[in-house]
Amino acid sequence: MTHPFAITRIHHVAYRCRDAKATVEFYERVLGMRYTNAFAEDHVPSTGAYDPYMHVFLDCGGGNVLAFFELPNQPEMGRDPNTPAWVQHLAFEVADFDTLMAAKAHIEAQGVDVLGPTYHGIFRSIYFFDPNGHRLELACNIGTADQYAELARVAPLMLEEWSVIKKAPAHAQWLHVDPNPPV
């Protein structure tokens, strides 16, 4: 199928925050992101509605940008009560397992509770929350070319089976067996 245009990358991903300054400080201090710029308006450019906001942008590396909106005139931010807290999250990649473990130690030293590392077959990851209640994940890839190829091969089969039975297909059950569990 040909498509009339091509997306070149994600320009930015935006989430809501309780306090723009505290959010920027957290992401700089805890994750080493670089605060690059901010937009502040009293009227929303796309709708014209009066809704003062601060929109801050953080460089995540690799051309990736994470942004937040502080909306002081809106009701207190919440989350979807019908979606478990572990589902909606932001996942960032680190170079390798040693880096992942160094990140865990650094984040815990900042007073942040960290879960993991958790084994996911082709990557290991740790989890924690930012000051806004957003779940964050740091992950390091550990998969082999053969494993990625096998996952690509079974992906359509798994999706088709899932769409019918709504239970986990067993095509990639090997992802759940950790051959080298951390000590």
C-alpha atoms as a PDB file:
ATOM      1  CA  MET A   1       0.000   0.000   0.000  1.00  0.00           C
ATOM      2  CA  THR A   2       1.408   3.389  -0.899  1.00  0.00           C
ATOM      3  CA  HIS A   3       0.737   6.298   1.387  1.00  0.00           C
ATOM      4  CA  PRO A   4       0.497   9.972   0.351  1.00  0.00           C
ATOM      5  CA  PHE A   5       3.076  11.151   2.917  1.00  0.00           C
ATOM      6  CA  ALA A   6       5.830   9.870   5.185  1.00  0.00           C
ATOM      7  CA  ILE A   7       6.278  10.589   8.874  1.00  0.00           C
ATOM      8  CA  THR A   8       9.943  11.221   9.590  1.00  0.00           C
ATOM      9  CA  ARG A   9       9.884  11.000  13.407  1.00  0.00           C
ATOM     10  CA  ILE A  10       7.864  11.952  16.476  1.00  0.00           C
ATOM     11  CA  HIS A  11       8.154  15.728  16.820  1.00  0.00           C
ATOM     12  CA  HIS A  12       7.181  15.650  20.491  1.00  0.00           C
ATOM     13  CA  VAL A  13       4.897  13.819  22.864  1.00  0.00           C
ATOM     14  CA  ALA A  14       2.951  15.983  25.325  1.00  0.00           C
ATOM     15  CA  TYR A  15       1.514  15.159  28.734  1.00  0.00           C
ATOM     16  CA  ARG A  16      -0.031  17.227  31.477  1.00  0.00           C
ATOM     17  CA  CYS A  17       1.877  18.193  34.622  1.00  0.00           C
ATOM     18  CA  ARG A  18       0.933  19.694  37.967  1.00  0.00           C
ATOM     19  CA  ASP A  19       3.882  22.102  38.141  1.00  0.00           C
ATOM     20  CA  ALA A  20       6.001  22.907  35.073  1.00  0.00           C
ATOM     21  CA  LYS A  21       9.038  24.056  37.070  1.00  0.00           C
ATOM     22  CA  ALA A  22       9.068  20.996  39.347  1.00  0.00           C
ATOM     23  CA  THR A  23       8.577  18.734  36.319  1.00  0.00           C
ATOM     24  CA  VAL A  24      11.503  20.274  34.415  1.00  0.00           C
ATOM     25  CA  GLU A  25      13.714  20.017  37.511  1.00  0.00           C
ATOM     26  CA  PHE A  26      12.794  16.328  37.997  1.00  0.00           C
ATOM     27  CA  TYR A  27      13.533  15.346  34.404  1.00  0.00           C
ATOM     28  CA  GLU A  28      16.816  17.272  34.407  1.00  0.00           C
ATOM     29  CA  ARG A  29      17.997  15.963  37.794  1.00  0.00           C
ATOM     30  CA  VAL A  30      16.708  12.393  37.666  1.00  0.00           C
ATOM     31  CA  LEU A  31      16.960  11.553  33.949  1.00  0.00           C
ATOM     32  CA  GLY A  32      19.519  14.073  32.667  1.00  0.00           C
ATOM     33  CA  MET A  33      17.200  15.527  30.041  1.00  0.00           C
ATOM     34  CA  ARG A  34      17.913  19.013  28.743  1.00  0.00           C
ATOM     35  CA  TYR A  35      15.225  21.677  29.076  1.00  0.00           C
ATOM     36  CA  THR A  36      15.133  23.346  25.660  1.00  0.00           C
ATOM     37  CA  ASN A  37      12.224  25.766  25.456  1.00  0.00           C
ATOM     38  CA  ALA A  38       8.774  26.786  26.606  1.00  0.00           C
ATOM     39  CA  PHE A  39       5.638  28.304  25.145  1.00  0.00           C
ATOM     40  CA  ALA A  40       3.201  30.223  27.341  1.00  0.00           C
ATOM     41  CA  GLU A  41      -0.108  31.534  26.085  1.00  0.00           C
ATOM     42  CA  ASP A  42      -3.358  32.789  27.550  1.00  0.00           C
ATOM     43  CA  HIS A  43      -5.348  31.580  24.533  1.00  0.00           C
ATOM     44  CA  VAL A  44      -4.996  28.168  22.875  1.00  0.00           C
ATOM     45  CA  PRO A  45      -3.643  28.806  19.334  1.00  0.00           C
ATOM     46  CA  SER A  46      -5.603  25.953  17.726  1.00  0.00           C
ATOM     47  CA  THR A  47      -8.989  26.783  19.288  1.00  0.00           C
ATOM     48  CA  GLY A  48      -8.745  30.394  20.472  1.00  0.00           C
ATOM     49  CA  ALA A  49     -10.152  29.369  23.865  1.00  0.00           C
ATOM     50  CA  TYR A  50      -8.989  31.257  26.941  1.00  0.00           C
ATOM     51  CA  ASP A  51      -6.968  28.699  28.913  1.00  0.00           C
ATOM     52  CA  PRO A  52      -3.595  29.986  30.159  1.00  0.00           C
ATOM     53  CA  TYR A  53      -0.875  27.364  29.944  1.00  0.00           C
ATOM     54  CA  MET A  54       2.857  26.769  30.198  1.00  0.00           C
ATOM     55  CA  HIS A  55       4.161  24.241  27.656  1.00  0.00           C
ATOM     56  CA  VAL A  56       7.718  23.023  28.422  1.00  0.00           C
ATOM     57  CA  PHE A  57       9.975  20.886  26.209  1.00  0.00           C
ATOM     58  CA  LEU A  58      12.754  18.486  27.223  1.00  0.00           C
ATOM     59  CA  ASP A  59      15.328  16.893  24.919  1.00  0.00           C
ATOM     60  CA  CYS A  60      15.432  13.133  25.503  1.00  0.00           C
ATOM     61  CA  GLY A  61      18.279  12.548  23.042  1.00  0.00           C
ATOM     62  CA  GLY A  62      18.194  11.103  19.557  1.00  0.00           C
ATOM     63  CA  GLY A  63      15.857  13.830  18.284  1.00  0.00           C
ATOM     64  CA  ASN A  64      13.159  12.850  20.767  1.00  0.00           C
ATOM     65  CA  VAL A  65      11.283  15.550  22.671  1.00  0.00           C
ATOM     66  CA  LEU A  66       9.044  15.155  25.706  1.00  0.00           C
ATOM     67  CA  ALA A  67       6.714  18.056  26.511  1.00  0.00           C
ATOM     68  CA  PHE A  68       4.374  18.951  29.359  1.00  0.00           C
ATOM     69  CA  PHE A  69       1.475  21.364  29.815  1.00  0.00           C
ATOM     70  CA  GLU A  70       0.709  23.046  33.109  1.00  0.00           C
ATOM     71  CA  LEU A  71      -2.956  24.146  33.051  1.00  0.00           C
ATOM     72  CA  PRO A  72      -3.689  26.137  36.225  1.00  0.00           C
ATOM     73  CA  ASN A  73      -7.321  26.978  35.329  1.00  0.00           C
ATOM     74  CA  GLN A  74      -8.337  23.373  34.670  1.00  0.00           C
ATOM     75  CA  PRO A  75      -9.566  20.887  37.302  1.00  0.00           C
ATOM     76  CA  GLU A  76      -6.858  18.866  39.081  1.00  0.00           C
ATOM     77  CA  MET A  77      -5.287  16.389  36.687  1.00  0.00           C
ATOM     78  CA  GLY A  78      -6.185  12.740  37.070  1.00  0.00           C
ATOM     79  CA  ARG A  79      -5.862   9.533  35.146  1.00  0.00           C
ATOM     80  CA  ASP A  80      -8.266   7.109  33.534  1.00  0.00           C
ATOM     81  CA  PRO A  81      -9.731   5.190  36.520  1.00  0.00           C
ATOM     82  CA  ASN A  82     -10.541   2.218  34.259  1.00  0.00           C
ATOM     83  CA  THR A  83      -6.940   1.737  33.097  1.00  0.00           C
ATOM     84  CA  PRO A  84      -4.430   0.107  35.473  1.00  0.00           C
ATOM     85  CA  ALA A  85      -1.513   2.358  36.496  1.00  0.00           C
ATOM     86  CA  TRP A  86       1.012   0.024  34.827  1.00  0.00           C
ATOM     87  CA  VAL A  87      -0.496   0.409  31.340  1.00  0.00           C
ATOM     88  CA  GLN A  88       0.033   4.060  30.440  1.00  0.00           C
ATOM     89  CA  HIS A  89       3.722   4.890  30.658  1.00  0.00           C
ATOM     90  CA  LEU A  90       6.676   6.524  28.952  1.00  0.00           C
ATOM     91  CA  ALA A  91       9.573   4.199  28.139  1.00  0.00           C
ATOM     92  CA  PHE A  92      13.086   5.476  27.477  1.00  0.00           C
ATOM     93  CA  GLU A  93      15.991   3.413  26.171  1.00  0.00           C
ATOM     94  CA  VAL A  94      19.428   3.168  27.774  1.00  0.00           C
ATOM     95  CA  ALA A  95      22.534   1.612  26.216  1.00  0.00           C
ATOM     96  CA  ASP A  96      22.882  -1.646  28.153  1.00  0.00           C
ATOM     97  CA  PHE A  97      22.202  -3.513  31.388  1.00  0.00           C
ATOM     98  CA  ASP A  98      25.093  -1.879  33.270  1.00  0.00           C
ATOM     99  CA  THR A  99      23.679   1.538  32.349  1.00  0.00           C
ATOM    100  CA  LEU A 100      20.223   0.404  33.452  1.00  0.00           C
ATOM    101  CA  MET A 101      21.560  -0.630  36.854  1.00  0.00           C
ATOM    102  CA  ALA A 102      23.543   2.619  37.209  1.00  0.00           C
ATOM    103  CA  ALA A 103      20.359   4.535  36.371  1.00  0.00           C
ATOM    104  CA  LYS A 104      18.446   2.567  39.003  1.00  0.00           C
ATOM    105  CA  ALA A 105      21.035   3.445  41.660  1.00  0.00           C
ATOM    106  CA  HIS A 106      21.007   7.121  40.635  1.00  0.00           C
ATOM    107  CA  ILE A 107      17.204   7.352  40.616  1.00  0.00           C
ATOM    108  CA  GLU A 108      16.908   5.645  43.999  1.00  0.00           C
ATOM    109  CA  ALA A 109      19.549   8.058  45.368  1.00  0.00           C
ATOM    110  CA  GLN A 110      17.177  10.877  44.319  1.00  0.00           C
ATOM    111  CA  GLY A 111      14.576   9.440  46.697  1.00  0.00           C
ATOM    112  CA  VAL A 112      12.470   7.804  43.977  1.00  0.00           C
ATOM    113  CA  ASP A 113      11.142   4.252  44.446  1.00  0.00           C
ATOM    114  CA  VAL A 114      12.189   1.959  41.576  1.00  0.00           C
ATOM    115  CA  LEU A 115      10.713  -1.419  40.596  1.00  0.00           C
ATOM    116  CA  GLY A 116      12.881  -3.917  38.749  1.00  0.00           C
ATOM    117  CA  PRO A 117      14.805  -4.821  36.768  1.00  0.00           C
ATOM    118  CA  THR A 118      12.085  -6.772  35.018  1.00  0.00           C
ATOM    119  CA  TYR A 119      12.777  -9.294  32.241  1.00  0.00           C
ATOM    120  CA  HIS A 120      10.795  -8.929  28.991  1.00  0.00           C
ATOM    121  CA  GLY A 121      12.600 -11.419  26.752  1.00  0.00           C
ATOM    122  CA  ILE A 122      14.199  -8.929  24.373  1.00  0.00           C
ATOM    123  CA  PHE A 123      14.744  -6.176  26.945  1.00  0.00           C
ATOM    124  CA  ARG A 124      15.065  -5.555  30.678  1.00  0.00           C
ATOM    125  CA  SER A 125      13.555  -2.541  32.352  1.00  0.00           C
ATOM    126  CA  ILE A 126      12.960  -0.603  35.554  1.00  0.00           C
ATOM    127  CA  TYR A 127       9.866   1.402  36.509  1.00  0.00           C
ATOM    128  CA  PHE A 128       9.171   4.494  38.628  1.00  0.00           C
ATOM    129  CA  PHE A 129       6.845   7.507  38.769  1.00  0.00           C
ATOM    130  CA  ASP A 130       7.473  11.181  38.052  1.00  0.00           C
ATOM    131  CA  PRO A 131       6.063  13.889  40.370  1.00  0.00           C
ATOM    132  CA  ASN A 132       2.887  14.050  38.258  1.00  0.00           C
ATOM    133  CA  GLY A 133       2.075  10.369  38.683  1.00  0.00           C
ATOM    134  CA  HIS A 134       3.211   9.393  35.174  1.00  0.00           C
ATOM    135  CA  ARG A 135       4.778   5.935  35.139  1.00  0.00           C
ATOM    136  CA  LEU A 136       8.243   5.905  33.571  1.00  0.00           C
ATOM    137  CA  GLU A 137      10.285   2.999  32.281  1.00  0.00           C
ATOM    138  CA  LEU A 138      13.961   2.747  31.411  1.00  0.00           C
ATOM    139  CA  ALA A 139      14.764  -0.208  29.172  1.00  0.00           C
ATOM    140  CA  CYS A 140      17.867  -1.795  27.676  1.00  0.00           C
ATOM    141  CA  ASN A 141      17.619  -4.096  24.671  1.00  0.00           C
ATOM    142  CA  ILE A 142      19.062  -7.590  25.096  1.00  0.00           C
ATOM    143  CA  GLY A 143      17.470  -9.427  22.164  1.00  0.00           C
ATOM    144  CA  THR A 144      19.289 -11.166  19.351  1.00  0.00           C
ATOM    145  CA  ALA A 145      18.647 -10.697  15.623  1.00  0.00           C
ATOM    146  CA  ASP A 146      17.060 -14.172  15.544  1.00  0.00           C
ATOM    147  CA  GLN A 147      14.710 -13.275  18.410  1.00  0.00           C
ATOM    148  CA  TYR A 148      13.577 -10.052  16.715  1.00  0.00           C
ATOM    149  CA  ALA A 149      13.048 -11.935  13.460  1.00  0.00           C
ATOM    150  CA  GLU A 150      10.973 -14.578  15.238  1.00  0.00           C
ATOM    151  CA  LEU A 151       8.857 -11.891  16.924  1.00  0.00           C
ATOM    152  CA  ALA A 152       8.256 -10.204  13.568  1.00  0.00           C
ATOM    153  CA  ARG A 153       7.260 -13.589  12.087  1.00  0.00           C
ATOM    154  CA  VAL A 154       4.709 -14.417  14.800  1.00  0.00           C
ATOM    155  CA  ALA A 155       3.321 -10.882  15.303  1.00  0.00           C
ATOM    156  CA  PRO A 156       0.519 -11.240  12.697  1.00  0.00           C
ATOM    157  CA  LEU A 157      -0.367 -14.705  14.023  1.00  0.00           C
ATOM    158  CA  MET A 158      -0.527 -13.432  17.598  1.00  0.00           C
ATOM    159  CA  LEU A 159      -2.680 -10.438  16.680  1.00  0.00           C
ATOM    160  CA  GLU A 160      -5.115 -12.570  14.709  1.00  0.00           C
ATOM    161  CA  GLU A 161      -5.397 -15.135  17.534  1.00  0.00           C
ATOM    162  CA  TRP A 162      -5.803 -12.377  20.153  1.00  0.00           C
ATOM    163  CA  SER A 163      -8.559 -10.711  18.118  1.00  0.00           C
ATOM    164  CA  VAL A 164     -10.572 -13.939  18.295  1.00  0.00           C
ATOM    165  CA  ILE A 165      -9.942 -15.370  21.786  1.00  0.00           C
ATOM    166  CA  LYS A 166      -8.744 -12.319  23.836  1.00  0.00           C
ATOM    167  CA  LYS A 167      -6.243 -14.488  25.728  1.00  0.00           C
ATOM    168  CA  ALA A 168      -2.460 -14.408  25.461  1.00  0.00           C
ATOM    169  CA  PRO A 169      -1.292 -16.418  22.429  1.00  0.00           C
ATOM    170  CA  ALA A 170       1.616 -18.774  23.156  1.00  0.00           C
ATOM    171  CA  HIS A 171       3.614 -18.032  19.969  1.00  0.00           C
ATOM    172  CA  ALA A 172       6.268 -16.088  21.885  1.00  0.00           C
ATOM    173  CA  GLN A 173       6.071 -17.812  25.267  1.00  0.00           C
ATOM    174  CA  TRP A 174       9.893 -17.939  25.316  1.00  0.00           C
ATOM    175  CA  LEU A 175       9.852 -14.189  26.093  1.00  0.00           C
ATOM    176  CA  HIS A 176       8.745 -14.986  29.640  1.00  0.00           C
ATOM    177  CA  VAL A 177      11.530 -17.388  30.617  1.00  0.00           C
ATOM    178  CA  ASP A 178      14.552 -15.524  31.964  1.00  0.00           C
ATOM    179  CA  PRO A 179      17.682 -17.607  31.231  1.00  0.00           C
ATOM    180  CA  ASN A 180      19.833 -15.320  33.437  1.00  0.00           C
ATOM    181  CA  PRO A 181      17.761 -14.043  36.341  1.00  0.00           C
ATOM    182  CA  PRO A 182      19.482 -11.266  38.354  1.00  0.00           C
ATOM    183  CA  VAL A 183      20.928 -12.472  41.628  1.00  0.00           C
END
